[in-house]
């Protein structure tokens, strides 16, 4: 999402942050961070990757998850796991500073974590 401006706002419910992008004066769907313990640089890269994958494969969550996983494995080493969808619960074990749980464009949840 190069060339755009990023705005970080506290979420209305206080549970996380909302990030909105404006690219060429066009608002891009906001991202709500439910939880993350990633360092800032990794979090930004992972979030941008998730947005790109979800936009590219808007009707195919499996392909979006595959794109995210393969890119994270290459960039940050294996073993990354990705779940994308609506209305799911989860309980996971993850490596410290390697978890991102966010919502994209409203109700589409994306959970990315590393666990070797």
C-alpha atoms as a PDB file:
ATOM      1  CA  UNK A   1       0.000   0.000   0.000  1.00  0.00           C
ATOM      2  CA  UNK A   2       2.886   2.288  -0.776  1.00  0.00           C
ATOM      3  CA  UNK A   3       2.264   5.964  -1.238  1.00  0.00           C
ATOM      4  CA  UNK A   4      -0.708   6.148   1.097  1.00  0.00           C
ATOM      5  CA  UNK A   5      -1.054   7.783   4.457  1.00  0.00           C
ATOM      6  CA  UNK A   6      -1.819   5.692   7.510  1.00  0.00           C
ATOM      7  CA  UNK A   7      -3.909   6.940  10.425  1.00  0.00           C
ATOM      8  CA  UNK A   8      -3.957   5.065  13.753  1.00  0.00           C
ATOM      9  CA  UNK A   9      -6.974   5.757  15.938  1.00  0.00           C
ATOM     10  CA  UNK A  10      -8.087   4.190  19.223  1.00  0.00           C
ATOM     11  CA  UNK A  11     -11.102   1.916  18.757  1.00  0.00           C
ATOM     12  CA  UNK A  12     -14.388   3.131  20.153  1.00  0.00           C
ATOM     13  CA  UNK A  13     -14.609   0.178  22.548  1.00  0.00           C
ATOM     14  CA  UNK A  14     -11.043   0.639  23.824  1.00  0.00           C
ATOM     15  CA  UNK A  15     -10.134  -2.957  22.924  1.00  0.00           C
ATOM     16  CA  UNK A  16      -7.658  -2.170  20.166  1.00  0.00           C
ATOM     17  CA  UNK A  17      -6.762   0.275  17.437  1.00  0.00           C
ATOM     18  CA  UNK A  18      -8.296   1.109  14.101  1.00  0.00           C
ATOM     19  CA  UNK A  19      -5.960   1.815  11.202  1.00  0.00           C
ATOM     20  CA  UNK A  20      -7.354   3.588   8.160  1.00  0.00           C
ATOM     21  CA  UNK A  21      -5.466   4.146   4.932  1.00  0.00           C
ATOM     22  CA  UNK A  22      -5.988   6.884   2.418  1.00  0.00           C
ATOM     23  CA  UNK A  23      -4.390   6.169  -0.942  1.00  0.00           C
ATOM     24  CA  UNK A  24      -4.725   8.836  -3.640  1.00  0.00           C
ATOM     25  CA  UNK A  25      -7.610  10.432  -1.728  1.00  0.00           C
ATOM     26  CA  UNK A  26      -9.494   7.119  -1.611  1.00  0.00           C
ATOM     27  CA  UNK A  27     -10.308   5.611   1.782  1.00  0.00           C
ATOM     28  CA  UNK A  28      -9.289   1.965   2.072  1.00  0.00           C
ATOM     29  CA  UNK A  29     -11.311  -0.294   4.414  1.00  0.00           C
ATOM     30  CA  UNK A  30     -10.222   0.127   8.012  1.00  0.00           C
ATOM     31  CA  UNK A  31      -8.350  -2.483   9.960  1.00  0.00           C
ATOM     32  CA  UNK A  32      -9.250  -3.086  13.604  1.00  0.00           C
ATOM     33  CA  UNK A  33      -6.544  -4.669  15.741  1.00  0.00           C
ATOM     34  CA  UNK A  34      -8.151  -6.929  18.304  1.00  0.00           C
ATOM     35  CA  UNK A  35      -4.780  -8.063  19.677  1.00  0.00           C
ATOM     36  CA  UNK A  36      -1.151  -8.085  18.660  1.00  0.00           C
ATOM     37  CA  UNK A  37       2.163  -8.519  20.413  1.00  0.00           C
ATOM     38  CA  UNK A  38       4.285  -8.076  17.269  1.00  0.00           C
ATOM     39  CA  UNK A  39       6.995  -5.431  17.132  1.00  0.00           C
ATOM     40  CA  UNK A  40       5.856  -2.318  15.225  1.00  0.00           C
ATOM     41  CA  UNK A  41       7.750  -3.024  11.989  1.00  0.00           C
ATOM     42  CA  UNK A  42       6.566  -6.643  11.787  1.00  0.00           C
ATOM     43  CA  UNK A  43       2.999  -5.647  12.698  1.00  0.00           C
ATOM     44  CA  UNK A  44       2.838  -3.041   9.929  1.00  0.00           C
ATOM     45  CA  UNK A  45       4.236  -5.472   7.342  1.00  0.00           C
ATOM     46  CA  UNK A  46       1.893  -8.261   8.429  1.00  0.00           C
ATOM     47  CA  UNK A  47      -1.135  -5.961   8.471  1.00  0.00           C
ATOM     48  CA  UNK A  48      -0.374  -4.615   4.999  1.00  0.00           C
ATOM     49  CA  UNK A  49       0.135  -8.167   3.730  1.00  0.00           C
ATOM     50  CA  UNK A  50      -3.215  -9.243   5.210  1.00  0.00           C
ATOM     51  CA  UNK A  51      -5.015  -6.295   3.599  1.00  0.00           C
ATOM     52  CA  UNK A  52      -3.380  -7.006   0.228  1.00  0.00           C
ATOM     53  CA  UNK A  53      -4.229 -10.720   0.364  1.00  0.00           C
ATOM     54  CA  UNK A  54      -7.827 -10.137   1.479  1.00  0.00           C
ATOM     55  CA  UNK A  55      -8.366  -7.607  -1.300  1.00  0.00           C
ATOM     56  CA  UNK A  56      -6.699  -9.786  -3.956  1.00  0.00           C
ATOM     57  CA  UNK A  57      -8.651 -12.905  -2.945  1.00  0.00           C
ATOM     58  CA  UNK A  58     -11.863 -11.239  -1.739  1.00  0.00           C
ATOM     59  CA  UNK A  59     -13.939 -14.337  -2.545  1.00  0.00           C
ATOM     60  CA  UNK A  60     -11.376 -16.992  -1.568  1.00  0.00           C
ATOM     61  CA  UNK A  61     -10.196 -16.931   2.059  1.00  0.00           C
ATOM     62  CA  UNK A  62      -8.135 -20.103   1.554  1.00  0.00           C
ATOM     63  CA  UNK A  63      -6.031 -18.463  -1.177  1.00  0.00           C
ATOM     64  CA  UNK A  64      -5.628 -15.309   0.922  1.00  0.00           C
ATOM     65  CA  UNK A  65      -4.479 -17.381   3.911  1.00  0.00           C
ATOM     66  CA  UNK A  66      -2.019 -19.294   1.723  1.00  0.00           C
ATOM     67  CA  UNK A  67      -0.548 -16.058   0.365  1.00  0.00           C
ATOM     68  CA  UNK A  68      -0.129 -14.638   3.879  1.00  0.00           C
ATOM     69  CA  UNK A  69       1.408 -17.836   5.279  1.00  0.00           C
ATOM     70  CA  UNK A  70       3.891 -18.306   2.435  1.00  0.00           C
ATOM     71  CA  UNK A  71       4.985 -14.662   2.560  1.00  0.00           C
ATOM     72  CA  UNK A  72       5.378 -14.671   6.357  1.00  0.00           C
ATOM     73  CA  UNK A  73       7.364 -17.946   6.183  1.00  0.00           C
ATOM     74  CA  UNK A  74       9.767 -16.384   3.648  1.00  0.00           C
ATOM     75  CA  UNK A  75      10.079 -13.042   5.416  1.00  0.00           C
ATOM     76  CA  UNK A  76      10.144 -14.126   9.086  1.00  0.00           C
ATOM     77  CA  UNK A  77      11.017 -17.856   8.967  1.00  0.00           C
ATOM     78  CA  UNK A  78       8.652 -20.798   9.291  1.00  0.00           C
ATOM     79  CA  UNK A  79       6.146 -21.910  10.853  1.00  0.00           C
ATOM     80  CA  UNK A  80       3.376 -19.339  10.416  1.00  0.00           C
ATOM     81  CA  UNK A  81      -0.321 -20.203  10.578  1.00  0.00           C
ATOM     82  CA  UNK A  82      -3.260 -18.173   9.256  1.00  0.00           C
ATOM     83  CA  UNK A  83      -7.019 -18.322   9.774  1.00  0.00           C
ATOM     84  CA  UNK A  84      -9.359 -16.008   7.847  1.00  0.00           C
ATOM     85  CA  UNK A  85     -13.136 -15.905   8.143  1.00  0.00           C
ATOM     86  CA  UNK A  86     -16.187 -14.690  10.001  1.00  0.00           C
ATOM     87  CA  UNK A  87     -17.719 -15.978  13.208  1.00  0.00           C
ATOM     88  CA  UNK A  88     -15.035 -18.303  14.564  1.00  0.00           C
ATOM     89  CA  UNK A  89     -13.446 -18.790  17.941  1.00  0.00           C
ATOM     90  CA  UNK A  90      -9.964 -20.066  18.632  1.00  0.00           C
ATOM     91  CA  UNK A  91      -7.444 -20.898  21.305  1.00  0.00           C
ATOM     92  CA  UNK A  92      -3.818 -21.116  20.170  1.00  0.00           C
ATOM     93  CA  UNK A  93      -0.289 -21.408  21.433  1.00  0.00           C
ATOM     94  CA  UNK A  94       2.097 -18.969  19.778  1.00  0.00           C
ATOM     95  CA  UNK A  95       5.633 -17.715  20.060  1.00  0.00           C
ATOM     96  CA  UNK A  96       5.966 -14.443  21.967  1.00  0.00           C
ATOM     97  CA  UNK A  97       5.856 -11.337  19.738  1.00  0.00           C
ATOM     98  CA  UNK A  98       4.453 -13.361  16.827  1.00  0.00           C
ATOM     99  CA  UNK A  99       0.659 -12.911  16.985  1.00  0.00           C
ATOM    100  CA  UNK A 100      -1.669 -10.642  15.029  1.00  0.00           C
ATOM    101  CA  UNK A 101      -5.460 -10.829  15.378  1.00  0.00           C
ATOM    102  CA  UNK A 102      -7.312  -8.211  13.343  1.00  0.00           C
ATOM    103  CA  UNK A 103     -10.528  -7.439  11.521  1.00  0.00           C
ATOM    104  CA  UNK A 104     -10.556  -6.136   7.962  1.00  0.00           C
ATOM    105  CA  UNK A 105     -13.393  -4.219   6.312  1.00  0.00           C
ATOM    106  CA  UNK A 106     -15.812  -4.869   9.153  1.00  0.00           C
ATOM    107  CA  UNK A 107     -16.400  -8.517  10.037  1.00  0.00           C
ATOM    108  CA  UNK A 108     -13.612 -10.448   8.277  1.00  0.00           C
ATOM    109  CA  UNK A 109     -11.226 -11.697  10.954  1.00  0.00           C
ATOM    110  CA  UNK A 110      -7.593 -12.567  10.267  1.00  0.00           C
ATOM    111  CA  UNK A 111      -5.443 -14.364  12.810  1.00  0.00           C
ATOM    112  CA  UNK A 112      -1.736 -14.834  12.033  1.00  0.00           C
ATOM    113  CA  UNK A 113       0.643 -16.537  14.450  1.00  0.00           C
ATOM    114  CA  UNK A 114       3.945 -18.347  14.554  1.00  0.00           C
ATOM    115  CA  UNK A 115       4.361 -21.634  16.389  1.00  0.00           C
ATOM    116  CA  UNK A 116       7.257 -23.982  15.645  1.00  0.00           C
END
